Protein backbone atom coordinates (compact mmCIF):
# COMPACT_ATOMS: atom_id res chain seq x y z
CA MET A 1 58.59 103.28 130.13
CA LYS A 2 58.44 100.44 127.82
CA ILE A 3 59.62 97.04 128.64
CA ILE A 4 60.98 94.80 125.74
CA TYR A 5 61.64 91.24 126.12
CA ILE A 6 64.03 89.01 123.92
CA CYS A 7 63.88 85.50 124.54
CA ARG A 8 65.41 84.84 128.13
CA VAL A 9 67.79 87.73 128.16
CA LEU A 10 67.83 90.33 130.49
CA ILE A 11 67.13 93.89 129.32
CA CYS A 12 68.54 96.55 131.27
CA LEU A 13 66.58 99.81 130.95
CA THR A 14 68.29 103.31 131.88
CA ILE A 15 66.39 105.35 133.75
CA ARG A 16 67.31 109.32 133.78
CA ALA A 17 70.37 108.27 132.28
CA THR A 18 72.12 107.73 135.49
CA VAL A 19 70.11 104.51 137.09
CA SER A 20 69.77 101.14 135.26
CA ALA A 21 67.35 98.79 136.27
CA CYS A 22 67.14 95.03 135.11
CA VAL A 23 63.84 93.16 134.50
CA THR A 24 63.45 89.37 133.91
CA PRO A 25 60.62 88.20 131.48
CA PRO A 26 56.96 87.23 133.15
CA ASN A 27 55.93 83.81 133.91
CA THR A 28 52.28 83.15 131.93
CA LEU A 29 50.90 81.78 135.03
CA LEU A 30 49.37 85.10 136.55
CA PRO A 31 48.79 86.66 133.29
CA ASN A 32 46.97 83.59 132.16
CA PHE A 33 44.92 83.24 135.66
CA CYS A 34 43.91 87.11 135.49
CA THR A 35 42.40 86.79 131.98
CA GLU A 36 40.70 83.62 132.51
CA ASN A 37 39.00 84.78 135.39
CA GLY A 38 37.49 88.15 133.63
CA GLY A 39 40.69 90.40 134.09
CA ALA A 40 43.08 92.31 131.90
CA TYR A 41 46.74 91.90 132.84
CA GLU A 42 49.16 94.66 132.94
CA GLU A 43 52.30 95.52 134.50
CA ARG A 44 53.84 98.68 136.08
CA VAL A 45 56.98 99.81 137.44
CA VAL A 46 56.04 100.38 141.12
CA ALA A 47 59.72 100.95 142.20
CA LEU A 48 63.27 101.59 140.70
CA GLY A 49 63.56 98.39 138.81
CA THR A 50 60.36 96.50 140.51
CA ILE A 51 57.83 95.50 138.19
CA ASN A 52 54.39 94.01 139.45
CA GLY A 53 51.38 92.61 137.50
CA PHE A 54 47.76 93.60 138.21
CA CYS A 55 44.88 92.27 137.18
CA VAL A 56 42.18 95.10 136.19
CA PHE A 57 38.35 94.31 136.14
CA ASN A 58 35.38 95.75 134.27
CA ASP A 59 33.83 97.42 137.30
CA GLY A 60 37.27 99.57 137.60
CA SER A 61 38.38 97.57 140.52
CA GLU A 62 42.16 95.81 140.66
CA CYS A 63 44.04 93.29 142.20
CA ASN A 64 47.72 92.58 142.79
CA ALA A 65 47.96 89.82 140.38
CA ARG A 66 49.71 87.52 142.59
CA SER A 67 47.46 88.34 145.76
CA PHE A 68 44.62 87.65 143.19
CA TYR A 69 45.82 83.96 142.11
CA GLU A 70 46.30 83.27 145.85
CA GLY A 71 42.47 84.11 146.69
CA LYS A 72 44.07 87.24 148.97
CA CYS A 73 42.35 89.69 146.76
CA LYS A 74 38.92 89.58 145.09
CA PRO A 75 37.69 92.51 142.45
CA GLU A 76 34.34 93.23 144.41
CA GLU A 77 36.22 93.96 147.66
CA THR A 78 38.41 96.35 146.20
CA ALA A 79 35.58 98.21 144.61
CA GLN A 80 33.32 97.95 148.04
CA SER A 81 36.42 99.50 149.74
CA GLU A 82 36.43 102.56 147.76
CA SER A 83 32.58 103.01 147.61
CA MET A 84 32.71 102.98 151.41
CA GLN A 85 35.68 105.32 151.97
CA SER A 86 33.92 107.66 149.49
CA GLU A 87 30.99 107.41 151.37
CA SER A 88 32.65 108.18 154.60
CA ASN A 89 34.27 111.36 153.48
CA GLN A 90 31.02 112.54 151.59
CA MET A 91 29.39 112.28 155.31
CA ALA A 92 32.06 114.27 156.70
CA ALA A 93 31.91 116.90 154.01
CA GLU A 94 28.25 117.15 154.46
CA VAL A 95 29.04 118.34 158.56
CA LEU A 96 29.86 121.96 159.33
CA PRO A 97 32.15 121.96 162.30
CA PRO A 98 31.16 124.44 165.11
CA GLN A 99 33.28 127.74 165.76
CA PHE A 100 32.93 127.54 169.25
CA LEU A 101 32.91 125.02 172.32
CA ASP A 102 29.54 126.63 173.32
CA ASP A 103 28.24 125.76 169.71
CA LEU A 104 29.24 121.85 170.19
CA ILE A 105 27.55 121.59 173.31
CA ASP A 106 24.29 123.63 172.28
CA LYS A 107 23.53 121.24 169.72
CA SER A 108 23.96 118.40 172.47
CA ASP A 109 20.71 117.09 174.01
CA VAL A 110 22.47 114.45 176.22
CA ILE A 111 26.33 113.92 176.64
CA VAL A 112 27.48 110.51 177.94
CA TYR A 113 30.58 108.58 178.30
CA GLY A 114 29.62 105.05 176.63
CA THR A 115 30.02 102.06 174.55
CA ILE A 116 28.66 101.38 171.19
CA GLY A 117 26.21 98.40 171.80
CA ASP A 118 24.49 95.61 169.52
CA VAL A 119 22.93 96.75 166.15
CA LEU A 120 19.58 96.98 166.65
CA GLU A 121 18.57 97.53 163.01
CA GLN A 122 19.58 98.39 159.39
CA LYS A 123 17.41 99.84 157.10
CA ASN A 124 16.96 102.30 154.27
CA PHE A 125 15.76 105.78 155.96
CA TYR A 126 13.26 108.05 154.42
CA GLY A 127 13.22 111.01 156.91
CA TYR A 128 10.48 112.75 159.07
CA ASP A 129 7.10 113.93 158.66
CA GLU A 130 5.71 117.01 160.09
CA ASN A 131 4.61 115.16 163.50
CA GLY A 132 8.12 113.69 164.11
CA GLU A 133 6.94 110.36 162.88
CA GLU A 134 9.44 108.30 160.75
CA ILE A 135 8.39 108.12 157.15
CA GLN A 136 7.50 104.45 155.89
CA VAL A 137 7.25 103.20 152.37
CA ASP A 138 4.05 103.13 150.68
CA ASP A 139 1.46 100.15 150.18
CA ASN A 140 3.60 99.34 147.09
CA GLY A 141 6.78 98.96 148.70
CA GLU A 142 7.76 102.74 147.37
CA ASN A 143 8.61 106.05 148.49
CA ILE A 144 8.93 108.98 146.50
CA ALA A 145 12.04 110.34 148.49
CA PRO A 146 15.11 108.43 147.95
CA GLY A 147 16.20 106.64 151.19
CA ILE A 148 19.56 106.38 152.65
CA PRO A 149 21.21 103.59 154.45
CA ILE A 150 21.27 104.00 158.19
CA THR A 151 22.51 101.44 161.35
CA ARG A 152 20.84 101.84 164.78
CA PHE A 153 22.77 100.73 167.66
CA ALA A 154 22.14 100.67 171.46
CA LEU A 155 24.33 102.68 173.41
CA GLU A 156 25.77 101.19 176.76
CA THR A 157 25.87 104.42 178.98
CA GLU A 158 28.58 104.48 181.68
CA VAL A 159 28.41 108.26 182.96
CA VAL A 160 25.90 110.86 181.84
CA TYR A 161 27.08 114.29 182.16
CA MET A 162 23.79 115.84 180.76
CA GLY A 163 20.83 114.59 180.21
CA ASP A 164 17.92 112.62 182.63
CA GLU A 165 20.39 109.79 184.30
CA ALA A 166 17.27 107.97 185.60
CA SER A 167 15.50 107.44 182.37
CA ILE A 168 18.80 107.01 180.27
CA GLN A 169 19.61 104.21 182.82
CA GLU A 170 16.15 102.93 182.55
CA SER A 171 16.03 102.91 178.51
CA PRO A 172 19.15 102.33 176.53
CA ILE A 173 19.75 105.33 174.25
CA VAL A 174 19.28 104.44 170.18
CA LEU A 175 21.87 105.71 168.45
CA GLY A 176 21.39 106.25 164.56
CA MET A 177 24.31 106.67 162.32
CA GLY A 178 24.41 106.87 158.28
CA GLY A 179 25.51 104.01 156.50
CA HIS A 180 24.89 100.04 156.98
CA ALA A 181 27.84 99.54 159.41
CA THR A 182 29.70 96.66 159.67
CA ALA A 183 33.14 95.73 161.46
CA GLU A 184 34.69 95.32 157.95
CA MET A 185 33.50 99.03 156.70
CA LYS A 186 34.78 100.27 160.19
CA GLU A 187 38.08 99.18 159.23
CA ILE A 188 37.84 100.25 155.75
CA THR A 189 37.18 103.61 156.57
CA SER A 190 39.74 103.90 159.56
CA ASP A 191 41.43 106.34 157.68
CA THR A 192 38.92 108.88 156.39
CA ALA A 193 37.42 111.95 157.84
CA TYR A 194 34.51 110.22 159.12
CA PRO A 195 35.07 106.72 160.08
CA PHE A 196 32.10 104.24 160.78
CA SER A 197 31.47 103.01 164.23
CA TYR A 198 30.86 99.71 165.34
CA THR A 199 30.01 97.87 168.45
CA GLY A 200 32.76 98.25 170.83
CA ASP A 201 33.83 101.44 170.21
CA GLU A 202 34.13 103.75 173.61
CA HIS A 203 33.51 107.63 173.07
CA LEU A 204 32.30 110.77 174.78
CA PHE A 205 29.07 110.93 172.89
CA LEU A 206 27.21 114.41 172.43
CA LEU A 207 23.82 113.67 171.26
CA THR A 208 21.18 115.26 169.60
CA GLN A 209 17.63 114.07 169.87
CA GLU A 210 16.06 113.24 166.41
CA PRO A 211 12.44 114.20 165.74
CA ASP A 212 10.97 111.21 166.65
CA GLN A 213 12.00 111.74 170.37
CA LYS A 214 13.11 108.29 170.54
CA THR A 215 16.59 108.19 168.59
CA TYR A 216 19.63 110.28 168.59
CA GLY A 217 22.41 111.26 166.06
CA LEU A 218 25.68 113.02 165.87
CA PHE A 219 25.06 116.38 165.05
CA HIS A 220 28.84 117.28 164.20
CA GLY A 221 29.60 113.97 163.00
CA PRO A 222 33.06 112.80 164.54
CA ARG A 223 33.15 115.99 166.48
CA SER A 224 30.12 114.93 168.46
CA ARG A 225 32.01 111.41 169.07
CA LEU A 226 35.01 112.46 170.92
CA ILE A 227 38.02 110.46 172.17
CA VAL A 228 39.26 110.94 175.52
CA GLU A 229 43.17 110.19 176.18
CA ASP A 230 45.42 110.89 178.89
CA GLY A 231 42.66 113.66 180.23
CA LEU A 232 42.34 115.67 176.15
CA LEU A 233 39.66 115.69 173.88
CA TYR A 234 40.49 114.15 170.21
CA ILE A 235 38.00 114.37 167.09
CA SER A 236 37.09 110.27 166.04
CA ASN A 237 38.29 111.13 162.61
CA GLY A 238 40.90 109.12 160.48
CA ASN A 239 43.68 111.62 161.89
CA LYS A 240 42.49 111.77 165.47
CA ASP A 241 42.90 115.43 165.36
CA PRO A 242 43.13 117.45 168.79
CA LEU A 243 39.92 119.16 169.58
CA LEU A 244 40.71 122.77 169.38
CA PHE A 245 39.08 126.13 169.81
CA ASP A 246 40.81 129.02 169.64
CA ASP A 247 43.98 127.15 168.67
CA LYS A 248 43.84 125.52 172.63
CA HIS A 249 43.69 121.88 172.81
CA VAL A 250 40.39 121.30 174.91
CA THR A 251 40.88 119.25 178.00
CA LEU A 252 38.07 117.04 179.51
CA GLU A 253 37.95 119.25 182.51
CA GLU A 254 37.45 122.44 180.40
CA PHE A 255 34.98 120.49 178.66
CA LEU A 256 32.83 119.23 181.48
CA GLN A 257 33.23 122.80 183.18
CA ALA A 258 31.49 124.30 179.89
CA VAL A 259 29.10 121.73 180.15
CA GLN A 260 28.03 122.68 183.87
CA SER A 261 28.22 126.20 183.33
CA LYS A 262 25.33 125.96 180.62
CA HIS A 263 23.25 123.62 182.27
């Protein structure tokens, strides 16, 4: 749609020959502020008869022009948001869902209900060697393998369903997750296939011990980090999908019975 402005006269554009939308000339304040701050101003029809200005930046991010002017949107924030969402969905794509409930339980060394505690460390992770030791950077501060960002949390355990309860209560579980997690990242990825966790989140955790025998991970991603609600189990993805096997919604009671029968 092409919008033409003639002096101060309103131009009415006929849309699909049946609906007319009237628009007014733009104020120069927002376009000027956008271009003066490194952006390119453009207008779009976002609803019938409604035209919004956008400020588009060199990195591909963009802001509503008025939000940018009012300081409510920054170009790097929109770029970071898209990157976080992409990273979250990529992690989910790499996790294969279990075919059966037994498969989900079999990959678990410890099953607890608890709350994610403080961040213990955030770093780049380079894997484990043949002895189960974490690979470190060399003397030059480099490593031949690319590192991946991880966050390690202390896990505050409330109930132990599987595992050595005495040992778990004595020494808090260390939970490792991909990405450098923050409260902001949790919010940004909340609607994705594999939302980031952060301090204060409560779940039923199905934990798999890492080769170092010190830390634990989530083998099946959001299916190893379940939500318990009204006696039913849900996957901790953005949609909060029911945990289903054989098209049946798994209850907490059924899950615990399956755990007890195997251990």
